[in-house]
């Protein structure tokens, strides 16, 4: 599984996960998925509900990530855990 990068908004109501599309062809067609999740309870008790997933070119994903940080979003730990 590709490494993921996580952001949470300042109101702690929404998270975003940036993860490379495993089907991307390195150096040719590189895309990332950006998942948006709504926090419905405490993060540690229940995972956010995914509201939307988009696929964008990796350069655009980096730009979106930087813009969100500039708007006050913070880096956070993984909130959708892998099932065991």
PDB file of N, CA and C in Angstrom:
ATOM      1  N   UNK A   1       0.853  -1.183   0.000  1.00  0.00           N
ATOM      2  CA  UNK A   1       0.000   0.000   0.000  1.00  0.00           C
ATOM      3  C   UNK A   1       0.893   1.239   0.000  1.00  0.00           C
ATOM      4  N   UNK A   2       0.509   2.215  -0.767  1.00  0.00           N
ATOM      5  CA  UNK A   2       1.278   3.447  -0.864  1.00  0.00           C
ATOM      6  C   UNK A   2       1.179   4.240   0.431  1.00  0.00           C
ATOM      7  N   UNK A   3       2.208   5.042   0.668  1.00  0.00           N
ATOM      8  CA  UNK A   3       2.200   5.910   1.850  1.00  0.00           C
ATOM      9  C   UNK A   3       1.121   6.969   1.678  1.00  0.00           C
ATOM     10  N   UNK A   4       0.452   7.300   2.775  1.00  0.00           N
ATOM     11  CA  UNK A   4      -0.600   8.311   2.713  1.00  0.00           C
ATOM     12  C   UNK A   4      -0.214   9.513   3.560  1.00  0.00           C
ATOM     13  N   UNK A   5      -0.792  10.650   3.193  1.00  0.00           N
ATOM     14  CA  UNK A   5      -0.552  11.914   3.887  1.00  0.00           C
ATOM     15  C   UNK A   5      -1.904  12.458   4.309  1.00  0.00           C
ATOM     16  N   UNK A   6      -1.986  12.906   5.561  1.00  0.00           N
ATOM     17  CA  UNK A   6      -3.261  13.268   6.162  1.00  0.00           C
ATOM     18  C   UNK A   6      -3.291  14.715   6.627  1.00  0.00           C
ATOM     19  N   UNK A   7      -4.447  15.360   6.413  1.00  0.00           N
ATOM     20  CA  UNK A   7      -4.674  16.714   6.908  1.00  0.00           C
ATOM     21  C   UNK A   7      -6.026  16.757   7.614  1.00  0.00           C
ATOM     22  N   UNK A   8      -6.134  17.641   8.612  1.00  0.00           N
ATOM     23  CA  UNK A   8      -7.391  17.859   9.320  1.00  0.00           C
ATOM     24  C   UNK A   8      -7.643  19.362   9.377  1.00  0.00           C
ATOM     25  N   UNK A   9      -8.904  19.767   9.219  1.00  0.00           N
ATOM     26  CA  UNK A   9      -9.186  21.204   9.238  1.00  0.00           C
ATOM     27  C   UNK A   9      -9.182  21.736  10.669  1.00  0.00           C
ATOM     28  N   UNK A  10      -9.139  23.053  10.797  1.00  0.00           N
ATOM     29  CA  UNK A  10      -8.984  23.667  12.123  1.00  0.00           C
ATOM     30  C   UNK A  10     -10.200  23.449  13.024  1.00  0.00           C
ATOM     31  N   UNK A  11     -11.383  23.219  12.436  1.00  0.00           N
ATOM     32  CA  UNK A  11     -12.575  22.956  13.235  1.00  0.00           C
ATOM     33  C   UNK A  11     -12.690  21.475  13.638  1.00  0.00           C
ATOM     34  N   UNK A  12     -11.780  20.661  13.134  1.00  0.00           N
ATOM     35  CA  UNK A  12     -11.762  19.213  13.388  1.00  0.00           C
ATOM     36  C   UNK A  12     -13.075  18.549  12.963  1.00  0.00           C
ATOM     37  N   UNK A  13     -13.581  18.990  11.797  1.00  0.00           N
ATOM     38  CA  UNK A  13     -14.813  18.418  11.268  1.00  0.00           C
ATOM     39  C   UNK A  13     -14.595  17.633   9.986  1.00  0.00           C
ATOM     40  N   UNK A  14     -13.383  17.748   9.415  1.00  0.00           N
ATOM     41  CA  UNK A  14     -13.111  17.133   8.127  1.00  0.00           C
ATOM     42  C   UNK A  14     -11.645  16.728   8.036  1.00  0.00           C
ATOM     43  N   UNK A  15     -11.391  15.606   7.360  1.00  0.00           N
ATOM     44  CA  UNK A  15     -10.023  15.168   7.099  1.00  0.00           C
ATOM     45  C   UNK A  15      -9.862  14.910   5.608  1.00  0.00           C
ATOM     46  N   UNK A  16      -8.617  14.956   5.174  1.00  0.00           N
ATOM     47  CA  UNK A  16      -8.290  14.609   3.788  1.00  0.00           C
ATOM     48  C   UNK A  16      -7.109  13.651   3.808  1.00  0.00           C
ATOM     49  N   UNK A  17      -7.212  12.634   2.950  1.00  0.00           N
ATOM     50  CA  UNK A  17      -6.110  11.680   2.781  1.00  0.00           C
ATOM     51  C   UNK A  17      -5.614  11.801   1.349  1.00  0.00           C
ATOM     52  N   UNK A  18      -4.311  11.954   1.212  1.00  0.00           N
ATOM     53  CA  UNK A  18      -3.651  11.992  -0.082  1.00  0.00           C
ATOM     54  C   UNK A  18      -2.874  10.682  -0.210  1.00  0.00           C
ATOM     55  N   UNK A  19      -3.184   9.907  -1.242  1.00  0.00           N
ATOM     56  CA  UNK A  19      -2.519   8.615  -1.409  1.00  0.00           C
ATOM     57  C   UNK A  19      -2.294   8.363  -2.894  1.00  0.00           C
ATOM     58  N   UNK A  20      -1.091   7.894  -3.228  1.00  0.00           N
ATOM     59  CA  UNK A  20      -0.759   7.655  -4.627  1.00  0.00           C
ATOM     60  C   UNK A  20      -1.583   6.500  -5.172  1.00  0.00           C
ATOM     61  N   UNK A  21      -2.069   6.678  -6.381  1.00  0.00           N
ATOM     62  CA  UNK A  21      -2.803   5.630  -7.077  1.00  0.00           C
ATOM     63  C   UNK A  21      -1.809   4.534  -7.455  1.00  0.00           C
ATOM     64  N   UNK A  22      -2.013   3.334  -6.919  1.00  0.00           N
ATOM     65  CA  UNK A  22      -1.107   2.215  -7.186  1.00  0.00           C
ATOM     66  C   UNK A  22      -1.050   1.836  -8.665  1.00  0.00           C
ATOM     67  N   UNK A  23      -2.041   2.240  -9.431  1.00  0.00           N
ATOM     68  CA  UNK A  23      -2.090   1.916 -10.861  1.00  0.00           C
ATOM     69  C   UNK A  23      -1.325   2.936 -11.699  1.00  0.00           C
ATOM     70  N   UNK A  24      -0.787   3.968 -11.064  1.00  0.00           N
ATOM     71  CA  UNK A  24      -0.018   4.979 -11.793  1.00  0.00           C
ATOM     72  C   UNK A  24       1.245   4.361 -12.375  1.00  0.00           C
ATOM     73  N   UNK A  25       1.674   4.900 -13.495  1.00  0.00           N
ATOM     74  CA  UNK A  25       2.933   4.471 -14.110  1.00  0.00           C
ATOM     75  C   UNK A  25       3.976   5.510 -13.722  1.00  0.00           C
ATOM     76  N   UNK A  26       4.927   5.106 -12.866  1.00  0.00           N
ATOM     77  CA  UNK A  26       5.924   6.046 -12.351  1.00  0.00           C
ATOM     78  C   UNK A  26       6.617   6.797 -13.473  1.00  0.00           C
ATOM     79  N   UNK A  27       6.664   8.116 -13.327  1.00  0.00           N
ATOM     80  CA  UNK A  27       7.359   8.962 -14.281  1.00  0.00           C
ATOM     81  C   UNK A  27       6.560   9.277 -15.536  1.00  0.00           C
ATOM     82  N   UNK A  28       5.418   8.608 -15.729  1.00  0.00           N
ATOM     83  CA  UNK A  28       4.623   8.844 -16.929  1.00  0.00           C
ATOM     84  C   UNK A  28       3.262   9.422 -16.547  1.00  0.00           C
ATOM     85  N   UNK A  29       2.436   8.582 -15.965  1.00  0.00           N
ATOM     86  CA  UNK A  29       1.105   9.002 -15.509  1.00  0.00           C
ATOM     87  C   UNK A  29       1.039   8.766 -14.021  1.00  0.00           C
ATOM     88  N   UNK A  30       1.275   9.825 -13.249  1.00  0.00           N
ATOM     89  CA  UNK A  30       1.234   9.697 -11.800  1.00  0.00           C
ATOM     90  C   UNK A  30       0.027  10.466 -11.264  1.00  0.00           C
ATOM     91  N   UNK A  31      -0.823   9.735 -10.570  1.00  0.00           N
ATOM     92  CA  UNK A  31      -2.032  10.308 -10.012  1.00  0.00           C
ATOM     93  C   UNK A  31      -2.116  10.014  -8.529  1.00  0.00           C
ATOM     94  N   UNK A  32      -2.839  10.875  -7.822  1.00  0.00           N
ATOM     95  CA  UNK A  32      -3.104  10.651  -6.406  1.00  0.00           C
ATOM     96  C   UNK A  32      -4.606  10.698  -6.189  1.00  0.00           C
ATOM     97  N   UNK A  33      -5.050   9.892  -5.239  1.00  0.00           N
ATOM     98  CA  UNK A  33      -6.420   9.984  -4.778  1.00  0.00           C
ATOM     99  C   UNK A  33      -6.435  10.970  -3.615  1.00  0.00           C
ATOM    100  N   UNK A  34      -7.450  11.799  -3.581  1.00  0.00           N
ATOM    101  CA  UNK A  34      -7.683  12.662  -2.426  1.00  0.00           C
ATOM    102  C   UNK A  34      -9.052  12.280  -1.886  1.00  0.00           C
ATOM    103  N   UNK A  35      -9.048  11.669  -0.712  1.00  0.00           N
ATOM    104  CA  UNK A  35     -10.287  11.284  -0.039  1.00  0.00           C
ATOM    105  C   UNK A  35     -10.636  12.363   0.963  1.00  0.00           C
ATOM    106  N   UNK A  36     -11.900  12.734   1.015  1.00  0.00           N
ATOM    107  CA  UNK A  36     -12.388  13.686   1.999  1.00  0.00           C
ATOM    108  C   UNK A  36     -13.348  12.950   2.916  1.00  0.00           C
ATOM    109  N   UNK A  37     -13.172  13.139   4.217  1.00  0.00           N
ATOM    110  CA  UNK A  37     -14.029  12.480   5.178  1.00  0.00           C
ATOM    111  C   UNK A  37     -14.602  13.446   6.184  1.00  0.00           C
ATOM    112  N   UNK A  38     -15.860  13.233   6.522  1.00  0.00           N
ATOM    113  CA  UNK A  38     -16.547  14.046   7.529  1.00  0.00           C
ATOM    114  C   UNK A  38     -16.421  13.342   8.875  1.00  0.00           C
ATOM    115  N   UNK A  39     -15.981  14.082   9.881  1.00  0.00           N
ATOM    116  CA  UNK A  39     -15.835  13.519  11.220  1.00  0.00           C
ATOM    117  C   UNK A  39     -17.209  13.555  11.895  1.00  0.00           C
ATOM    118  N   UNK A  40     -17.712  12.366  12.251  1.00  0.00           N
ATOM    119  CA  UNK A  40     -19.059  12.276  12.819  1.00  0.00           C
ATOM    120  C   UNK A  40     -19.054  12.064  14.325  1.00  0.00           C
ATOM    121  N   UNK A  41     -17.925  11.677  14.888  1.00  0.00           N
ATOM    122  CA  UNK A  41     -17.782  11.535  16.341  1.00  0.00           C
ATOM    123  C   UNK A  41     -16.317  11.731  16.680  1.00  0.00           C
ATOM    124  N   UNK A  42     -15.877  11.247  17.815  1.00  0.00           N
ATOM    125  CA  UNK A  42     -14.463  11.363  18.173  1.00  0.00           C
ATOM    126  C   UNK A  42     -13.632  10.490  17.239  1.00  0.00           C
ATOM    127  N   UNK A  43     -12.524  11.052  16.752  1.00  0.00           N
ATOM    128  CA  UNK A  43     -11.684  10.340  15.788  1.00  0.00           C
ATOM    129  C   UNK A  43     -11.215   8.985  16.294  1.00  0.00           C
ATOM    130  N   UNK A  44     -10.881   8.890  17.561  1.00  0.00           N
ATOM    131  CA  UNK A  44     -10.342   7.645  18.089  1.00  0.00           C
ATOM    132  C   UNK A  44     -11.417   6.561  18.224  1.00  0.00           C
ATOM    133  N   UNK A  45     -12.692   6.970  18.283  1.00  0.00           N
ATOM    134  CA  UNK A  45     -13.779   6.012  18.481  1.00  0.00           C
ATOM    135  C   UNK A  45     -14.390   5.523  17.174  1.00  0.00           C
ATOM    136  N   UNK A  46     -14.528   6.401  16.209  1.00  0.00           N
ATOM    137  CA  UNK A  46     -15.184   6.056  14.957  1.00  0.00           C
ATOM    138  C   UNK A  46     -14.492   6.782  13.806  1.00  0.00           C
ATOM    139  N   UNK A  47     -14.178   6.066  12.719  1.00  0.00           N
ATOM    140  CA  UNK A  47     -13.507   6.735  11.604  1.00  0.00           C
ATOM    141  C   UNK A  47     -14.444   7.702  10.886  1.00  0.00           C
ATOM    142  N   UNK A  48     -13.878   8.703  10.217  1.00  0.00           N
ATOM    143  CA  UNK A  48     -14.695   9.638   9.442  1.00  0.00           C
ATOM    144  C   UNK A  48     -15.442   8.907   8.321  1.00  0.00           C
ATOM    145  N   UNK A  49     -16.522   9.488   7.885  1.00  0.00           N
ATOM    146  CA  UNK A  49     -17.296   8.951   6.771  1.00  0.00           C
ATOM    147  C   UNK A  49     -16.762   9.588   5.493  1.00  0.00           C
ATOM    148  N   UNK A  50     -16.325   8.758   4.546  1.00  0.00           N
ATOM    149  CA  UNK A  50     -15.809   9.282   3.285  1.00  0.00           C
ATOM    150  C   UNK A  50     -16.964   9.915   2.517  1.00  0.00           C
ATOM    151  N   UNK A  51     -16.787  11.182   2.158  1.00  0.00           N
ATOM    152  CA  UNK A  51     -17.835  11.893   1.431  1.00  0.00           C
ATOM    153  C   UNK A  51     -17.520  12.026  -0.049  1.00  0.00           C
ATOM    154  N   UNK A  52     -16.232  12.044  -0.391  1.00  0.00           N
ATOM    155  CA  UNK A  52     -15.849  12.193  -1.799  1.00  0.00           C
ATOM    156  C   UNK A  52     -14.423  11.694  -1.982  1.00  0.00           C
ATOM    157  N   UNK A  53     -14.167  11.146  -3.158  1.00  0.00           N
ATOM    158  CA  UNK A  53     -12.819  10.752  -3.561  1.00  0.00           C
ATOM    159  C   UNK A  53     -12.593  11.272  -4.970  1.00  0.00           C
ATOM    160  N   UNK A  54     -11.464  11.956  -5.156  1.00  0.00           N
ATOM    161  CA  UNK A  54     -11.108  12.419  -6.494  1.00  0.00           C
ATOM    162  C   UNK A  54      -9.724  11.902  -6.844  1.00  0.00           C
ATOM    163  N   UNK A  55      -9.444  11.829  -8.128  1.00  0.00           N
ATOM    164  CA  UNK A  55      -8.134  11.435  -8.617  1.00  0.00           C
ATOM    165  C   UNK A  55      -7.580  12.600  -9.434  1.00  0.00           C
ATOM    166  N   UNK A  56      -6.390  13.051  -9.051  1.00  0.00           N
ATOM    167  CA  UNK A  56      -5.771  14.189  -9.738  1.00  0.00           C
ATOM    168  C   UNK A  56      -4.303  13.872 -10.027  1.00  0.00           C
ATOM    169  N   UNK A  57      -3.748  14.612 -10.985  1.00  0.00           N
ATOM    170  CA  UNK A  57      -2.323  14.452 -11.267  1.00  0.00           C
ATOM    171  C   UNK A  57      -1.525  14.822 -10.025  1.00  0.00           C
ATOM    172  N   UNK A  58      -0.391  14.182  -9.870  1.00  0.00           N
ATOM    173  CA  UNK A  58       0.399  14.316  -8.645  1.00  0.00           C
ATOM    174  C   UNK A  58       0.817  15.767  -8.384  1.00  0.00           C
ATOM    175  N   UNK A  59       1.125  16.528  -9.430  1.00  0.00           N
ATOM    176  CA  UNK A  59       1.512  17.932  -9.228  1.00  0.00           C
ATOM    177  C   UNK A  59       0.353  18.762  -8.690  1.00  0.00           C
ATOM    178  N   UNK A  60      -0.851  18.505  -9.181  1.00  0.00           N
ATOM    179  CA  UNK A  60      -2.025  19.210  -8.678  1.00  0.00           C
ATOM    180  C   UNK A  60      -2.306  18.811  -7.227  1.00  0.00           C
ATOM    181  N   UNK A  61      -2.122  17.545  -6.906  1.00  0.00           N
ATOM    182  CA  UNK A  61      -2.319  17.080  -5.523  1.00  0.00           C
ATOM    183  C   UNK A  61      -1.360  17.805  -4.576  1.00  0.00           C
ATOM    184  N   UNK A  62      -0.124  17.977  -4.996  1.00  0.00           N
ATOM    185  CA  UNK A  62       0.850  18.706  -4.167  1.00  0.00           C
ATOM    186  C   UNK A  62       0.416  20.153  -3.959  1.00  0.00           C
ATOM    187  N   UNK A  63      -0.094  20.776  -5.016  1.00  0.00           N
ATOM    188  CA  UNK A  63      -0.555  22.160  -4.917  1.00  0.00           C
ATOM    189  C   UNK A  63      -1.753  22.270  -3.969  1.00  0.00           C
ATOM    190  N   UNK A  64      -2.699  21.360  -4.070  1.00  0.00           N
ATOM    191  CA  UNK A  64      -3.863  21.355  -3.179  1.00  0.00           C
ATOM    192  C   UNK A  64      -3.413  21.186  -1.732  1.00  0.00           C
ATOM    193  N   UNK A  65      -2.475  20.257  -1.500  1.00  0.00           N
ATOM    194  CA  UNK A  65      -1.949  19.999  -0.156  1.00  0.00           C
ATOM    195  C   UNK A  65      -1.337  21.275   0.436  1.00  0.00           C
ATOM    196  N   UNK A  66      -0.509  21.949  -0.358  1.00  0.00           N
ATOM    197  CA  UNK A  66       0.132  23.187   0.100  1.00  0.00           C
ATOM    198  C   UNK A  66      -0.896  24.275   0.396  1.00  0.00           C
ATOM    199  N   UNK A  67      -1.903  24.402  -0.464  1.00  0.00           N
ATOM    200  CA  UNK A  67      -2.949  25.421  -0.261  1.00  0.00           C
ATOM    201  C   UNK A  67      -3.726  25.157   1.022  1.00  0.00           C
ATOM    202  N   UNK A  68      -4.050  23.889   1.268  1.00  0.00           N
ATOM    203  CA  UNK A  68      -4.783  23.550   2.484  1.00  0.00           C
ATOM    204  C   UNK A  68      -3.960  23.894   3.727  1.00  0.00           C
ATOM    205  N   UNK A  69      -2.666  23.592   3.702  1.00  0.00           N
ATOM    206  CA  UNK A  69      -1.798  23.957   4.829  1.00  0.00           C
ATOM    207  C   UNK A  69      -1.807  25.472   5.042  1.00  0.00           C
ATOM    208  N   UNK A  70      -1.754  26.234   3.944  1.00  0.00           N
ATOM    209  CA  UNK A  70      -1.763  27.695   4.035  1.00  0.00           C
ATOM    210  C   UNK A  70      -3.092  28.220   4.582  1.00  0.00           C
ATOM    211  N   UNK A  71      -4.168  27.445   4.406  1.00  0.00           N
ATOM    212  CA  UNK A  71      -5.494  27.846   4.891  1.00  0.00           C
ATOM    213  C   UNK A  71      -5.743  27.408   6.334  1.00  0.00           C
ATOM    214  N   UNK A  72      -4.751  26.789   6.960  1.00  0.00           N
ATOM    215  CA  UNK A  72      -4.907  26.427   8.366  1.00  0.00           C
ATOM    216  C   UNK A  72      -5.113  24.951   8.646  1.00  0.00           C
ATOM    217  N   UNK A  73      -5.157  24.128   7.614  1.00  0.00           N
ATOM    218  CA  UNK A  73      -5.244  22.689   7.846  1.00  0.00           C
ATOM    219  C   UNK A  73      -3.932  22.227   8.481  1.00  0.00           C
ATOM    220  N   UNK A  74      -3.998  21.167   9.280  1.00  0.00           N
ATOM    221  CA  UNK A  74      -2.820  20.641   9.982  1.00  0.00           C
ATOM    222  C   UNK A  74      -2.576  19.192   9.577  1.00  0.00           C
ATOM    223  N   UNK A  75      -1.319  18.800   9.633  1.00  0.00           N
ATOM    224  CA  UNK A  75      -0.985  17.390   9.413  1.00  0.00           C
ATOM    225  C   UNK A  75      -1.517  16.588  10.592  1.00  0.00           C
ATOM    226  N   UNK A  76      -1.983  15.383  10.316  1.00  0.00           N
ATOM    227  CA  UNK A  76      -2.495  14.516  11.370  1.00  0.00           C
ATOM    228  C   UNK A  76      -2.115  13.077  11.061  1.00  0.00           C
ATOM    229  N   UNK A  77      -2.368  12.206  12.020  1.00  0.00           N
ATOM    230  CA  UNK A  77      -2.059  10.780  11.833  1.00  0.00           C
ATOM    231  C   UNK A  77      -3.162  10.118  11.018  1.00  0.00           C
ATOM    232  N   UNK A  78      -2.899   8.903  10.589  1.00  0.00           N
ATOM    233  CA  UNK A  78      -3.868   8.121   9.824  1.00  0.00           C
ATOM    234  C   UNK A  78      -5.145   7.928  10.637  1.00  0.00           C
ATOM    235  N   UNK A  79      -6.292   8.137  10.004  1.00  0.00           N
ATOM    236  CA  UNK A  79      -7.551   7.980  10.733  1.00  0.00           C
ATOM    237  C   UNK A  79      -8.431   6.855  10.186  1.00  0.00           C
ATOM    238  N   UNK A  80      -8.142   6.355   8.985  1.00  0.00           N
ATOM    239  CA  UNK A  80      -8.829   5.165   8.481  1.00  0.00           C
ATOM    240  C   UNK A  80      -7.859   4.021   8.631  1.00  0.00           C
ATOM    241  N   UNK A  81      -8.048   3.211   9.629  1.00  0.00           N
ATOM    242  CA  UNK A  81      -7.132   2.106   9.921  1.00  0.00           C
ATOM    243  C   UNK A  81      -7.412   0.928   9.006  1.00  0.00           C
ATOM    244  N   UNK A  82      -6.352   0.181   8.715  1.00  0.00           N
ATOM    245  CA  UNK A  82      -6.495  -1.041   7.936  1.00  0.00           C
ATOM    246  C   UNK A  82      -7.193  -2.091   8.770  1.00  0.00           C
ATOM    247  N   UNK A  83      -8.081  -2.858   8.136  1.00  0.00           N
ATOM    248  CA  UNK A  83      -8.766  -3.925   8.852  1.00  0.00           C
ATOM    249  C   UNK A  83      -7.813  -5.076   9.084  1.00  0.00           C
ATOM    250  N   UNK A  84      -7.905  -5.660  10.271  1.00  0.00           N
ATOM    251  CA  UNK A  84      -6.993  -6.757  10.616  1.00  0.00           C
ATOM    252  C   UNK A  84      -7.667  -8.093  10.421  1.00  0.00           C
TER     253      UNK A  84
END
